[in-house]
Amino acid sequence: MVESSPAHLDSLFHALADTTRRAILRDLTLREKTVGEIAQPFAISLAAVSKHLKVLEAADLIERQRRGSFQVVRLNAPSLKPATEWLGFYDKFWNSALDRLQTHLEAVHLTPISKEKLKP
């Protein structure tokens, strides 16, 4: 498992905990966008979008660049790696545990149950 600081992981998971921020990140996978383009599909104010972008920027999930009078935002996908690897560790744990459970259930299901085991 990759070691990441607890503060950095907290920042990542906090940023990812919000539906709007996840939608913004998903949208930025297609291409970089201006703040106005990011705000367009949401029924929230430009100020609210700006607050979401600040949270994403603090988690290093996006990068902003000024181009003339516009701010262009792009996804910083490599910054998701610590969260992915942290979750991957638990994915391996659960897959192993579920495999053992499946093996057990198959063994129990294949073993004939005697009538005496069913008596109270």
PDB file of N, CA and C in Angstrom:
ATOM      1  N   MET A   1       0.846  -1.175   0.000  1.00  0.00           N
ATOM      2  CA  MET A   1       0.000   0.000   0.000  1.00  0.00           C
ATOM      3  C   MET A   1       0.888   1.233   0.000  1.00  0.00           C
ATOM      4  N   VAL A   2       0.557   2.216  -0.837  1.00  0.00           N
ATOM      5  CA  VAL A   2       1.324   3.447  -0.910  1.00  0.00           C
ATOM      6  C   VAL A   2       1.051   4.278   0.329  1.00  0.00           C
ATOM      7  N   GLU A   3       2.110   4.795   0.901  1.00  0.00           N
ATOM      8  CA  GLU A   3       1.950   5.635   2.080  1.00  0.00           C
ATOM      9  C   GLU A   3       1.610   7.051   1.633  1.00  0.00           C
ATOM     10  N   SER A   4       0.563   7.589   2.134  1.00  0.00           N
ATOM     11  CA  SER A   4       0.172   8.958   1.874  1.00  0.00           C
ATOM     12  C   SER A   4      -0.148   9.577   3.213  1.00  0.00           C
ATOM     13  N   SER A   5       0.098  10.860   3.310  1.00  0.00           N
ATOM     14  CA  SER A   5      -0.151  11.483   4.601  1.00  0.00           C
ATOM     15  C   SER A   5      -1.645  11.435   4.913  1.00  0.00           C
ATOM     16  N   PRO A   6      -1.971  11.265   6.177  1.00  0.00           N
ATOM     17  CA  PRO A   6      -3.393  11.247   6.549  1.00  0.00           C
ATOM     18  C   PRO A   6      -4.116  12.533   6.135  1.00  0.00           C
ATOM     19  N   ALA A   7      -3.428  13.657   6.226  1.00  0.00           N
ATOM     20  CA  ALA A   7      -4.060  14.932   5.855  1.00  0.00           C
ATOM     21  C   ALA A   7      -4.380  14.962   4.361  1.00  0.00           C
ATOM     22  N   HIS A   8      -3.474  14.418   3.552  1.00  0.00           N
ATOM     23  CA  HIS A   8      -3.713  14.405   2.100  1.00  0.00           C
ATOM     24  C   HIS A   8      -4.884  13.486   1.755  1.00  0.00           C
ATOM     25  N   LEU A   9      -4.923  12.302   2.358  1.00  0.00           N
ATOM     26  CA  LEU A   9      -6.052  11.399   2.110  1.00  0.00           C
ATOM     27  C   LEU A   9      -7.365  12.015   2.588  1.00  0.00           C
ATOM     28  N   ASP A  10      -7.330  12.670   3.743  1.00  0.00           N
ATOM     29  CA  ASP A  10      -8.538  13.340   4.244  1.00  0.00           C
ATOM     30  C   ASP A  10      -9.021  14.377   3.231  1.00  0.00           C
ATOM     31  N   SER A  11      -8.083  15.137   2.679  1.00  0.00           N
ATOM     32  CA  SER A  11      -8.410  16.171   1.700  1.00  0.00           C
ATOM     33  C   SER A  11      -9.014  15.554   0.439  1.00  0.00           C
ATOM     34  N   LEU A  12      -8.417  14.465  -0.027  1.00  0.00           N
ATOM     35  CA  LEU A  12      -8.940  13.789  -1.215  1.00  0.00           C
ATOM     36  C   LEU A  12     -10.354  13.262  -0.991  1.00  0.00           C
ATOM     37  N   PHE A  13     -10.539  12.530   0.105  1.00  0.00           N
ATOM     38  CA  PHE A  13     -11.859  11.934   0.347  1.00  0.00           C
ATOM     39  C   PHE A  13     -12.913  12.996   0.662  1.00  0.00           C
ATOM     40  N   HIS A  14     -12.504  14.089   1.301  1.00  0.00           N
ATOM     41  CA  HIS A  14     -13.440  15.196   1.524  1.00  0.00           C
ATOM     42  C   HIS A  14     -13.892  15.775   0.183  1.00  0.00           C
ATOM     43  N   ALA A  15     -12.943  15.977  -0.706  1.00  0.00           N
ATOM     44  CA  ALA A  15     -13.272  16.535  -2.024  1.00  0.00           C
ATOM     45  C   ALA A  15     -14.180  15.584  -2.808  1.00  0.00           C
ATOM     46  N   LEU A  16     -13.928  14.295  -2.697  1.00  0.00           N
ATOM     47  CA  LEU A  16     -14.706  13.309  -3.447  1.00  0.00           C
ATOM     48  C   LEU A  16     -16.062  12.993  -2.814  1.00  0.00           C
ATOM     49  N   ALA A  17     -16.280  13.467  -1.599  1.00  0.00           N
ATOM     50  CA  ALA A  17     -17.507  13.146  -0.869  1.00  0.00           C
ATOM     51  C   ALA A  17     -18.730  13.898  -1.381  1.00  0.00           C
ATOM     52  N   ASP A  18     -18.524  14.884  -2.226  1.00  0.00           N
ATOM     53  CA  ASP A  18     -19.639  15.712  -2.683  1.00  0.00           C
ATOM     54  C   ASP A  18     -20.023  15.355  -4.123  1.00  0.00           C
ATOM     55  N   THR A  19     -21.315  15.210  -4.367  1.00  0.00           N
ATOM     56  CA  THR A  19     -21.827  14.834  -5.684  1.00  0.00           C
ATOM     57  C   THR A  19     -21.441  15.844  -6.755  1.00  0.00           C
ATOM     58  N   THR A  20     -21.562  17.121  -6.448  1.00  0.00           N
ATOM     59  CA  THR A  20     -21.232  18.158  -7.428  1.00  0.00           C
ATOM     60  C   THR A  20     -19.755  18.111  -7.789  1.00  0.00           C
ATOM     61  N   ARG A  21     -18.894  17.947  -6.794  1.00  0.00           N
ATOM     62  CA  ARG A  21     -17.452  17.892  -7.083  1.00  0.00           C
ATOM     63  C   ARG A  21     -17.095  16.654  -7.900  1.00  0.00           C
ATOM     64  N   ARG A  22     -17.743  15.538  -7.607  1.00  0.00           N
ATOM     65  CA  ARG A  22     -17.476  14.338  -8.412  1.00  0.00           C
ATOM     66  C   ARG A  22     -17.939  14.551  -9.855  1.00  0.00           C
ATOM     67  N   ALA A  23     -19.068  15.226 -10.030  1.00  0.00           N
ATOM     68  CA  ALA A  23     -19.566  15.516 -11.383  1.00  0.00           C
ATOM     69  C   ALA A  23     -18.611  16.458 -12.120  1.00  0.00           C
ATOM     70  N   ILE A  24     -18.070  17.422 -11.415  1.00  0.00           N
ATOM     71  CA  ILE A  24     -17.099  18.339 -12.027  1.00  0.00           C
ATOM     72  C   ILE A  24     -15.873  17.556 -12.489  1.00  0.00           C
ATOM     73  N   LEU A  25     -15.360  16.690 -11.633  1.00  0.00           N
ATOM     74  CA  LEU A  25     -14.189  15.882 -12.002  1.00  0.00           C
ATOM     75  C   LEU A  25     -14.496  14.998 -13.210  1.00  0.00           C
ATOM     76  N   ARG A  26     -15.657  14.370 -13.210  1.00  0.00           N
ATOM     77  CA  ARG A  26     -16.046  13.503 -14.323  1.00  0.00           C
ATOM     78  C   ARG A  26     -16.098  14.314 -15.618  1.00  0.00           C
ATOM     79  N   ASP A  27     -16.658  15.511 -15.529  1.00  0.00           N
ATOM     80  CA  ASP A  27     -16.767  16.389 -16.689  1.00  0.00           C
ATOM     81  C   ASP A  27     -15.390  16.811 -17.203  1.00  0.00           C
ATOM     82  N   LEU A  28     -14.460  17.022 -16.288  1.00  0.00           N
ATOM     83  CA  LEU A  28     -13.118  17.450 -16.683  1.00  0.00           C
ATOM     84  C   LEU A  28     -12.293  16.323 -17.294  1.00  0.00           C
ATOM     85  N   THR A  29     -12.772  15.085 -17.213  1.00  0.00           N
ATOM     86  CA  THR A  29     -12.046  13.995 -17.880  1.00  0.00           C
ATOM     87  C   THR A  29     -12.152  14.127 -19.394  1.00  0.00           C
ATOM     88  N   LEU A  30     -13.185  14.820 -19.856  1.00  0.00           N
ATOM     89  CA  LEU A  30     -13.389  14.983 -21.298  1.00  0.00           C
ATOM     90  C   LEU A  30     -12.427  16.007 -21.891  1.00  0.00           C
ATOM     91  N   ARG A  31     -12.268  17.137 -21.207  1.00  0.00           N
ATOM     92  CA  ARG A  31     -11.374  18.209 -21.670  1.00  0.00           C
ATOM     93  C   ARG A  31     -11.297  19.278 -20.594  1.00  0.00           C
ATOM     94  N   GLU A  32     -10.301  20.148 -20.714  1.00  0.00           N
ATOM     95  CA  GLU A  32     -10.237  21.286 -19.788  1.00  0.00           C
ATOM     96  C   GLU A  32     -11.353  22.253 -20.142  1.00  0.00           C
ATOM     97  N   LYS A  33     -11.802  22.991 -19.133  1.00  0.00           N
ATOM     98  CA  LYS A  33     -12.940  23.897 -19.329  1.00  0.00           C
ATOM     99  C   LYS A  33     -12.717  25.186 -18.558  1.00  0.00           C
ATOM    100  N   THR A  34     -13.432  26.218 -18.975  1.00  0.00           N
ATOM    101  CA  THR A  34     -13.425  27.459 -18.206  1.00  0.00           C
ATOM    102  C   THR A  34     -14.354  27.288 -17.008  1.00  0.00           C
ATOM    103  N   VAL A  35     -14.222  28.164 -16.048  1.00  0.00           N
ATOM    104  CA  VAL A  35     -15.087  28.096 -14.867  1.00  0.00           C
ATOM    105  C   VAL A  35     -16.550  28.247 -15.291  1.00  0.00           C
ATOM    106  N   GLY A  36     -16.825  29.126 -16.243  1.00  0.00           N
ATOM    107  CA  GLY A  36     -18.190  29.299 -16.739  1.00  0.00           C
ATOM    108  C   GLY A  36     -18.743  28.039 -17.371  1.00  0.00           C
ATOM    109  N   GLU A  37     -17.918  27.320 -18.137  1.00  0.00           N
ATOM    110  CA  GLU A  37     -18.352  26.063 -18.752  1.00  0.00           C
ATOM    111  C   GLU A  37     -18.610  25.002 -17.689  1.00  0.00           C
ATOM    112  N   ILE A  38     -17.788  25.007 -16.646  1.00  0.00           N
ATOM    113  CA  ILE A  38     -17.985  24.045 -15.552  1.00  0.00           C
ATOM    114  C   ILE A  38     -19.305  24.321 -14.845  1.00  0.00           C
ATOM    115  N   ALA A  39     -19.618  25.588 -14.640  1.00  0.00           N
ATOM    116  CA  ALA A  39     -20.823  25.976 -13.894  1.00  0.00           C
ATOM    117  C   ALA A  39     -22.110  25.726 -14.673  1.00  0.00           C
ATOM    118  N   GLN A  40     -22.036  25.740 -15.986  1.00  0.00           N
ATOM    119  CA  GLN A  40     -23.223  25.689 -16.840  1.00  0.00           C
ATOM    120  C   GLN A  40     -24.226  24.580 -16.522  1.00  0.00           C
ATOM    121  N   PRO A  41     -23.825  23.328 -16.339  1.00  0.00           N
ATOM    122  CA  PRO A  41     -24.844  22.286 -16.117  1.00  0.00           C
ATOM    123  C   PRO A  41     -25.450  22.263 -14.709  1.00  0.00           C
ATOM    124  N   PHE A  42     -24.942  23.081 -13.803  1.00  0.00           N
ATOM    125  CA  PHE A  42     -25.400  23.036 -12.420  1.00  0.00           C
ATOM    126  C   PHE A  42     -26.357  24.177 -12.117  1.00  0.00           C
ATOM    127  N   ALA A  43     -27.350  23.887 -11.302  1.00  0.00           N
ATOM    128  CA  ALA A  43     -28.323  24.906 -10.893  1.00  0.00           C
ATOM    129  C   ALA A  43     -27.849  25.571  -9.601  1.00  0.00           C
ATOM    130  N   ILE A  44     -26.595  26.016  -9.611  1.00  0.00           N
ATOM    131  CA  ILE A  44     -26.016  26.704  -8.458  1.00  0.00           C
ATOM    132  C   ILE A  44     -25.283  27.939  -8.956  1.00  0.00           C
ATOM    133  N   SER A  45     -24.992  28.836  -8.053  1.00  0.00           N
ATOM    134  CA  SER A  45     -24.350  30.093  -8.433  1.00  0.00           C
ATOM    135  C   SER A  45     -22.894  29.870  -8.834  1.00  0.00           C
ATOM    136  N   LEU A  46     -22.347  30.848  -9.529  1.00  0.00           N
ATOM    137  CA  LEU A  46     -20.941  30.814  -9.907  1.00  0.00           C
ATOM    138  C   LEU A  46     -20.060  30.829  -8.656  1.00  0.00           C
ATOM    139  N   ALA A  47     -20.521  31.528  -7.619  1.00  0.00           N
ATOM    140  CA  ALA A  47     -19.773  31.552  -6.352  1.00  0.00           C
ATOM    141  C   ALA A  47     -19.731  30.159  -5.717  1.00  0.00           C
ATOM    142  N   ALA A  48     -20.831  29.436  -5.795  1.00  0.00           N
ATOM    143  CA  ALA A  48     -20.865  28.078  -5.238  1.00  0.00           C
ATOM    144  C   ALA A  48     -19.931  27.156  -6.024  1.00  0.00           C
ATOM    145  N   VAL A  49     -19.925  27.288  -7.338  1.00  0.00           N
ATOM    146  CA  VAL A  49     -19.009  26.495  -8.163  1.00  0.00           C
ATOM    147  C   VAL A  49     -17.570  26.833  -7.791  1.00  0.00           C
ATOM    148  N   SER A  50     -17.305  28.099  -7.588  1.00  0.00           N
ATOM    149  CA  SER A  50     -15.959  28.539  -7.204  1.00  0.00           C
ATOM    150  C   SER A  50     -15.527  27.903  -5.883  1.00  0.00           C
ATOM    151  N   LYS A  51     -16.445  27.796  -4.938  1.00  0.00           N
ATOM    152  CA  LYS A  51     -16.121  27.142  -3.661  1.00  0.00           C
ATOM    153  C   LYS A  51     -15.793  25.667  -3.867  1.00  0.00           C
ATOM    154  N   HIS A  52     -16.552  25.000  -4.722  1.00  0.00           N
ATOM    155  CA  HIS A  52     -16.269  23.596  -5.028  1.00  0.00           C
ATOM    156  C   HIS A  52     -14.887  23.462  -5.678  1.00  0.00           C
ATOM    157  N   LEU A  53     -14.574  24.373  -6.577  1.00  0.00           N
ATOM    158  CA  LEU A  53     -13.278  24.327  -7.249  1.00  0.00           C
ATOM    159  C   LEU A  53     -12.133  24.544  -6.260  1.00  0.00           C
ATOM    160  N   LYS A  54     -12.355  25.397  -5.270  1.00  0.00           N
ATOM    161  CA  LYS A  54     -11.321  25.621  -4.249  1.00  0.00           C
ATOM    162  C   LYS A  54     -11.053  24.334  -3.457  1.00  0.00           C
ATOM    163  N   VAL A  55     -12.102  23.595  -3.144  1.00  0.00           N
ATOM    164  CA  VAL A  55     -11.935  22.324  -2.421  1.00  0.00           C
ATOM    165  C   VAL A  55     -11.169  21.326  -3.297  1.00  0.00           C
ATOM    166  N   LEU A  56     -11.537  21.254  -4.571  1.00  0.00           N
ATOM    167  CA  LEU A  56     -10.851  20.345  -5.492  1.00  0.00           C
ATOM    168  C   LEU A  56      -9.384  20.758  -5.679  1.00  0.00           C
ATOM    169  N   GLU A  57      -9.145  22.043  -5.717  1.00  0.00           N
ATOM    170  CA  GLU A  57      -7.781  22.550  -5.869  1.00  0.00           C
ATOM    171  C   GLU A  57      -6.953  22.276  -4.618  1.00  0.00           C
ATOM    172  N   ALA A  58      -7.557  22.423  -3.456  1.00  0.00           N
ATOM    173  CA  ALA A  58      -6.852  22.137  -2.195  1.00  0.00           C
ATOM    174  C   ALA A  58      -6.459  20.665  -2.110  1.00  0.00           C
ATOM    175  N   ALA A  59      -7.250  19.807  -2.710  1.00  0.00           N
ATOM    176  CA  ALA A  59      -6.947  18.370  -2.731  1.00  0.00           C
ATOM    177  C   ALA A  59      -6.021  18.016  -3.898  1.00  0.00           C
ATOM    178  N   ASP A  60      -5.623  19.008  -4.665  1.00  0.00           N
ATOM    179  CA  ASP A  60      -4.726  18.842  -5.813  1.00  0.00           C
ATOM    180  C   ASP A  60      -5.373  18.008  -6.916  1.00  0.00           C
ATOM    181  N   LEU A  61      -6.703  18.005  -6.979  1.00  0.00           N
ATOM    182  CA  LEU A  61      -7.410  17.237  -7.997  1.00  0.00           C
ATOM    183  C   LEU A  61      -7.586  18.003  -9.301  1.00  0.00           C
ATOM    184  N   ILE A  62      -7.461  19.325  -9.235  1.00  0.00           N
ATOM    185  CA  ILE A  62      -7.553  20.152 -10.438  1.00  0.00           C
ATOM    186  C   ILE A  62      -6.402  21.154 -10.455  1.00  0.00           C
ATOM    187  N   GLU A  63      -6.163  21.681 -11.631  1.00  0.00           N
ATOM    188  CA  GLU A  63      -5.196  22.767 -11.806  1.00  0.00           C
ATOM    189  C   GLU A  63      -5.902  23.881 -12.553  1.00  0.00           C
ATOM    190  N   ARG A  64      -5.632  25.116 -12.136  1.00  0.00           N
ATOM    191  CA  ARG A  64      -6.223  26.278 -12.810  1.00  0.00           C
ATOM    192  C   ARG A  64      -5.120  27.063 -13.493  1.00  0.00           C
ATOM    193  N   GLN A  65      -5.493  27.643 -14.622  1.00  0.00           N
ATOM    194  CA  GLN A  65      -4.543  28.484 -15.348  1.00  0.00           C
ATOM    195  C   GLN A  65      -5.310  29.673 -15.923  1.00  0.00           C
ATOM    196  N   ARG A  66      -4.753  30.847 -15.763  1.00  0.00           N
ATOM    197  CA  ARG A  66      -5.398  32.040 -16.314  1.00  0.00           C
ATOM    198  C   ARG A  66      -4.974  32.183 -17.763  1.00  0.00           C
ATOM    199  N   ARG A  67      -5.982  32.328 -18.635  1.00  0.00           N
ATOM    200  CA  ARG A  67      -5.758  32.592 -20.060  1.00  0.00           C
ATOM    201  C   ARG A  67      -6.582  33.808 -20.434  1.00  0.00           C
ATOM    202  N   GLY A  68      -5.914  34.929 -20.488  1.00  0.00           N
ATOM    203  CA  GLY A  68      -6.623  36.183 -20.747  1.00  0.00           C
ATOM    204  C   GLY A  68      -7.557  36.480 -19.596  1.00  0.00           C
ATOM    205  N   SER A  69      -8.825  36.648 -19.905  1.00  0.00           N
ATOM    206  CA  SER A  69      -9.798  36.945 -18.848  1.00  0.00           C
ATOM    207  C   SER A  69     -10.482  35.682 -18.315  1.00  0.00           C
ATOM    208  N   PHE A  70     -10.047  34.531 -18.787  1.00  0.00           N
ATOM    209  CA  PHE A  70     -10.662  33.274 -18.380  1.00  0.00           C
ATOM    210  C   PHE A  70      -9.737  32.458 -17.487  1.00  0.00           C
ATOM    211  N   GLN A  71     -10.354  31.691 -16.596  1.00  0.00           N
ATOM    212  CA  GLN A  71      -9.624  30.684 -15.829  1.00  0.00           C
ATOM    213  C   GLN A  71      -9.968  29.332 -16.438  1.00  0.00           C
ATOM    214  N   VAL A  72      -8.940  28.633 -16.868  1.00  0.00           N
ATOM    215  CA  VAL A  72      -9.144  27.304 -17.450  1.00  0.00           C
ATOM    216  C   VAL A  72      -8.775  26.275 -16.385  1.00  0.00           C
ATOM    217  N   VAL A  73      -9.638  25.286 -16.240  1.00  0.00           N
ATOM    218  CA  VAL A  73      -9.464  24.257 -15.214  1.00  0.00           C
ATOM    219  C   VAL A  73      -9.270  22.921 -15.910  1.00  0.00           C
ATOM    220  N   ARG A  74      -8.317  22.148 -15.409  1.00  0.00           N
ATOM    221  CA  ARG A  74      -8.111  20.796 -15.946  1.00  0.00           C
ATOM    222  C   ARG A  74      -7.929  19.818 -14.795  1.00  0.00           C
ATOM    223  N   LEU A  75      -8.265  18.586 -15.073  1.00  0.00           N
ATOM    224  CA  LEU A  75      -8.142  17.508 -14.099  1.00  0.00           C
ATOM    225  C   LEU A  75      -6.672  17.180 -13.877  1.00  0.00           C
ATOM    226  N   ASN A  76      -6.310  16.960 -12.629  1.00  0.00           N
ATOM    227  CA  ASN A  76      -4.974  16.484 -12.277  1.00  0.00           C
ATOM    228  C   ASN A  76      -5.139  15.029 -11.820  1.00  0.00           C
ATOM    229  N   ALA A  77      -5.367  14.148 -12.774  1.00  0.00           N
ATOM    230  CA  ALA A  77      -5.714  12.750 -12.491  1.00  0.00           C
ATOM    231  C   ALA A  77      -4.686  12.009 -11.634  1.00  0.00           C
ATOM    232  N   PRO A  78      -3.376  12.225 -11.810  1.00  0.00           N
ATOM    233  CA  PRO A  78      -2.428  11.477 -10.981  1.00  0.00           C
ATOM    234  C   PRO A  78      -2.603  11.692  -9.475  1.00  0.00           C
ATOM    235  N   SER A  79      -3.225  12.790  -9.104  1.00  0.00           N
ATOM    236  CA  SER A  79      -3.412  13.042  -7.670  1.00  0.00           C
ATOM    237  C   SER A  79      -4.451  12.115  -7.048  1.00  0.00           C
ATOM    238  N   LEU A  80      -5.205  11.390  -7.871  1.00  0.00           N
ATOM    239  CA  LEU A  80      -6.169  10.409  -7.360  1.00  0.00           C
ATOM    240  C   LEU A  80      -5.497   9.111  -6.932  1.00  0.00           C
ATOM    241  N   LYS A  81      -4.253   8.921  -7.333  1.00  0.00           N
ATOM    242  CA  LYS A  81      -3.573   7.652  -7.089  1.00  0.00           C
ATOM    243  C   LYS A  81      -3.534   7.243  -5.608  1.00  0.00           C
ATOM    244  N   PRO A  82      -3.207   8.146  -4.668  1.00  0.00           N
ATOM    245  CA  PRO A  82      -3.204   7.703  -3.261  1.00  0.00           C
ATOM    246  C   PRO A  82      -4.560   7.176  -2.792  1.00  0.00           C
ATOM    247  N   ALA A  83      -5.650   7.813  -3.222  1.00  0.00           N
ATOM    248  CA  ALA A  83      -6.986   7.345  -2.829  1.00  0.00           C
ATOM    249  C   ALA A  83      -7.283   5.999  -3.481  1.00  0.00           C
ATOM    250  N   THR A  84      -6.915   5.861  -4.741  1.00  0.00           N
ATOM    251  CA  THR A  84      -7.129   4.606  -5.461  1.00  0.00           C
ATOM    252  C   THR A  84      -6.368   3.468  -4.802  1.00  0.00           C
ATOM    253  N   GLU A  85      -5.130   3.721  -4.438  1.00  0.00           N
ATOM    254  CA  GLU A  85      -4.316   2.677  -3.822  1.00  0.00           C
ATOM    255  C   GLU A  85      -4.797   2.353  -2.411  1.00  0.00           C
ATOM    256  N   TRP A  86      -5.262   3.355  -1.685  1.00  0.00           N
ATOM    257  CA  TRP A  86      -5.800   3.111  -0.346  1.00  0.00           C
ATOM    258  C   TRP A  86      -7.030   2.208  -0.460  1.00  0.00           C
ATOM    259  N   LEU A  87      -7.913   2.529  -1.399  1.00  0.00           N
ATOM    260  CA  LEU A  87      -9.104   1.706  -1.607  1.00  0.00           C
ATOM    261  C   LEU A  87      -8.733   0.326  -2.144  1.00  0.00           C
ATOM    262  N   GLY A  88      -7.697   0.270  -2.969  1.00  0.00           N
ATOM    263  CA  GLY A  88      -7.248  -1.000  -3.533  1.00  0.00           C
ATOM    264  C   GLY A  88      -6.818  -1.992  -2.472  1.00  0.00           C
ATOM    265  N   PHE A  89      -6.191  -1.492  -1.415  1.00  0.00           N
ATOM    266  CA  PHE A  89      -5.789  -2.355  -0.310  1.00  0.00           C
ATOM    267  C   PHE A  89      -7.012  -3.053   0.279  1.00  0.00           C
ATOM    268  N   TYR A  90      -8.081  -2.315   0.496  1.00  0.00           N
ATOM    269  CA  TYR A  90      -9.288  -2.887   1.083  1.00  0.00           C
ATOM    270  C   TYR A  90     -10.058  -3.724   0.068  1.00  0.00           C
ATOM    271  N   ASP A  91      -9.928  -3.411  -1.198  1.00  0.00           N
ATOM    272  CA  ASP A  91     -10.538  -4.217  -2.239  1.00  0.00           C
ATOM    273  C   ASP A  91      -9.958  -5.630  -2.202  1.00  0.00           C
ATOM    274  N   LYS A  92      -8.635  -5.727  -2.066  1.00  0.00           N
ATOM    275  CA  LYS A  92      -7.986  -7.037  -1.959  1.00  0.00           C
ATOM    276  C   LYS A  92      -8.472  -7.783  -0.721  1.00  0.00           C
ATOM    277  N   PHE A  93      -8.601  -7.060   0.392  1.00  0.00           N
ATOM    278  CA  PHE A  93      -9.078  -7.670   1.638  1.00  0.00           C
ATOM    279  C   PHE A  93     -10.477  -8.247   1.443  1.00  0.00           C
ATOM    280  N   TRP A  94     -11.388  -7.445   0.908  1.00  0.00           N
ATOM    281  CA  TRP A  94     -12.766  -7.898   0.761  1.00  0.00           C
ATOM    282  C   TRP A  94     -12.881  -9.001  -0.274  1.00  0.00           C
ATOM    283  N   ASN A  95     -12.132  -8.908  -1.356  1.00  0.00           N
ATOM    284  CA  ASN A  95     -12.183  -9.990  -2.355  1.00  0.00           C
ATOM    285  C   ASN A  95     -11.728 -11.303  -1.742  1.00  0.00           C
ATOM    286  N   SER A  96     -10.673 -11.261  -0.940  1.00  0.00           N
ATOM    287  CA  SER A  96     -10.180 -12.467  -0.282  1.00  0.00           C
ATOM    288  C   SER A  96     -11.227 -13.010   0.689  1.00  0.00           C
ATOM    289  N   ALA A  97     -11.818 -12.133   1.485  1.00  0.00           N
ATOM    290  CA  ALA A  97     -12.827 -12.564   2.456  1.00  0.00           C
ATOM    291  C   ALA A  97     -14.058 -13.132   1.747  1.00  0.00           C
ATOM    292  N   LEU A  98     -14.476 -12.511   0.671  1.00  0.00           N
ATOM    293  CA  LEU A  98     -15.650 -13.006  -0.057  1.00  0.00           C
ATOM    294  C   LEU A  98     -15.351 -14.322  -0.766  1.00  0.00           C
ATOM    295  N   ASP A  99     -14.126 -14.486  -1.243  1.00  0.00           N
ATOM    296  CA  ASP A  99     -13.746 -15.770  -1.838  1.00  0.00           C
ATOM    297  C   ASP A  99     -13.808 -16.898  -0.813  1.00  0.00           C
ATOM    298  N   ARG A 100     -13.325 -16.627   0.396  1.00  0.00           N
ATOM    299  CA  ARG A 100     -13.370 -17.640   1.460  1.00  0.00           C
ATOM    300  C   ARG A 100     -14.812 -17.967   1.824  1.00  0.00           C
ATOM    301  N   LEU A 101     -15.657 -16.943   1.888  1.00  0.00           N
ATOM    302  CA  LEU A 101     -17.078 -17.168   2.193  1.00  0.00           C
ATOM    303  C   LEU A 101     -17.722 -18.010   1.099  1.00  0.00           C
ATOM    304  N   GLN A 102     -17.438 -17.711  -0.148  1.00  0.00           N
ATOM    305  CA  GLN A 102     -18.002 -18.483  -1.248  1.00  0.00           C
ATOM    306  C   GLN A 102     -17.562 -19.944  -1.165  1.00  0.00           C
ATOM    307  N   THR A 103     -16.292 -20.171  -0.901  1.00  0.00           N
ATOM    308  CA  THR A 103     -15.775 -21.538  -0.764  1.00  0.00           C
ATOM    309  C   THR A 103     -16.498 -22.268   0.360  1.00  0.00           C
ATOM    310  N   HIS A 104     -16.674 -21.602   1.485  1.00  0.00           N
ATOM    311  CA  HIS A 104     -17.371 -22.200   2.628  1.00  0.00           C
ATOM    312  C   HIS A 104     -18.816 -22.533   2.270  1.00  0.00           C
ATOM    313  N   LEU A 105     -19.501 -21.583   1.654  1.00  0.00           N
ATOM    314  CA  LEU A 105     -20.913 -21.816   1.313  1.00  0.00           C
ATOM    315  C   LEU A 105     -21.067 -22.942   0.295  1.00  0.00           C
ATOM    316  N   GLU A 106     -20.146 -23.013  -0.642  1.00  0.00           N
ATOM    317  CA  GLU A 106     -20.199 -24.113  -1.610  1.00  0.00           C
ATOM    318  C   GLU A 106     -19.961 -25.445  -0.923  1.00  0.00           C
ATOM    319  N   ALA A 107     -19.035 -25.494   0.027  1.00  0.00           N
ATOM    320  CA  ALA A 107     -18.755 -26.734   0.756  1.00  0.00           C
ATOM    321  C   ALA A 107     -19.959 -27.150   1.586  1.00  0.00           C
ATOM    322  N   VAL A 108     -20.600 -26.206   2.244  1.00  0.00           N
ATOM    323  CA  VAL A 108     -21.773 -26.507   3.067  1.00  0.00           C
ATOM    324  C   VAL A 108     -22.924 -26.950   2.178  1.00  0.00           C
ATOM    325  N   HIS A 109     -23.101 -26.300   1.062  1.00  0.00           N
ATOM    326  CA  HIS A 109     -24.200 -26.616   0.154  1.00  0.00           C
ATOM    327  C   HIS A 109     -24.016 -27.999  -0.466  1.00  0.00           C
ATOM    328  N   LEU A 110     -22.796 -28.410  -0.737  1.00  0.00           N
ATOM    329  CA  LEU A 110     -22.534 -29.702  -1.359  1.00  0.00           C
ATOM    330  C   LEU A 110     -22.580 -30.856  -0.362  1.00  0.00           C
ATOM    331  N   THR A 111     -22.465 -30.564   0.923  1.00  0.00           N
ATOM    332  CA  THR A 111     -22.506 -31.602   1.947  1.00  0.00           C
ATOM    333  C   THR A 111     -23.961 -31.955   2.221  1.00  0.00           C
ATOM    334  N   PRO A 112     -24.335 -33.224   2.056  1.00  0.00           N
ATOM    335  CA  PRO A 112     -25.730 -33.597   2.333  1.00  0.00           C
ATOM    336  C   PRO A 112     -26.051 -33.401   3.819  1.00  0.00           C
ATOM    337  N   ILE A 113     -27.229 -32.924   4.066  1.00  0.00           N
ATOM    338  CA  ILE A 113     -27.658 -32.699   5.445  1.00  0.00           C
ATOM    339  C   ILE A 113     -28.407 -33.935   5.918  1.00  0.00           C
ATOM    340  N   SER A 114     -27.937 -34.496   7.018  1.00  0.00           N
ATOM    341  CA  SER A 114     -28.633 -35.679   7.543  1.00  0.00           C
ATOM    342  C   SER A 114     -29.891 -35.238   8.298  1.00  0.00           C
ATOM    343  N   LYS A 115     -30.855 -36.128   8.389  1.00  0.00           N
ATOM    344  CA  LYS A 115     -32.108 -35.809   9.078  1.00  0.00           C
ATOM    345  C   LYS A 115     -31.854 -35.532  10.551  1.00  0.00           C
ATOM    346  N   GLU A 116     -30.868 -36.170  11.139  1.00  0.00           N
ATOM    347  CA  GLU A 116     -30.582 -35.960  12.553  1.00  0.00           C
ATOM    348  C   GLU A 116     -30.086 -34.540  12.827  1.00  0.00           C
ATOM    349  N   LYS A 117     -29.408 -33.954  11.863  1.00  0.00           N
ATOM    350  CA  LYS A 117     -28.942 -32.571  12.049  1.00  0.00           C
ATOM    351  C   LYS A 117     -30.110 -31.593  12.038  1.00  0.00           C
ATOM    352  N   LEU A 118     -31.207 -32.004  11.407  1.00  0.00           N
ATOM    353  CA  LEU A 118     -32.358 -31.129  11.315  1.00  0.00           C
ATOM    354  C   LEU A 118     -33.268 -31.221  12.527  1.00  0.00           C
ATOM    355  N   LYS A 119     -33.122 -32.276  13.363  1.00  0.00           N
ATOM    356  CA  LYS A 119     -33.978 -32.421  14.547  1.00  0.00           C
ATOM    357  C   LYS A 119     -33.598 -31.382  15.590  1.00  0.00           C
ATOM    358  N   PRO A 120     -34.616 -30.832  16.270  1.00  0.00           N
ATOM    359  CA  PRO A 120     -34.332 -29.832  17.309  1.00  0.00           C
ATOM    360  C   PRO A 120     -33.729 -30.434  18.559  1.00  0.00           C
TER     361      PRO A 120
END
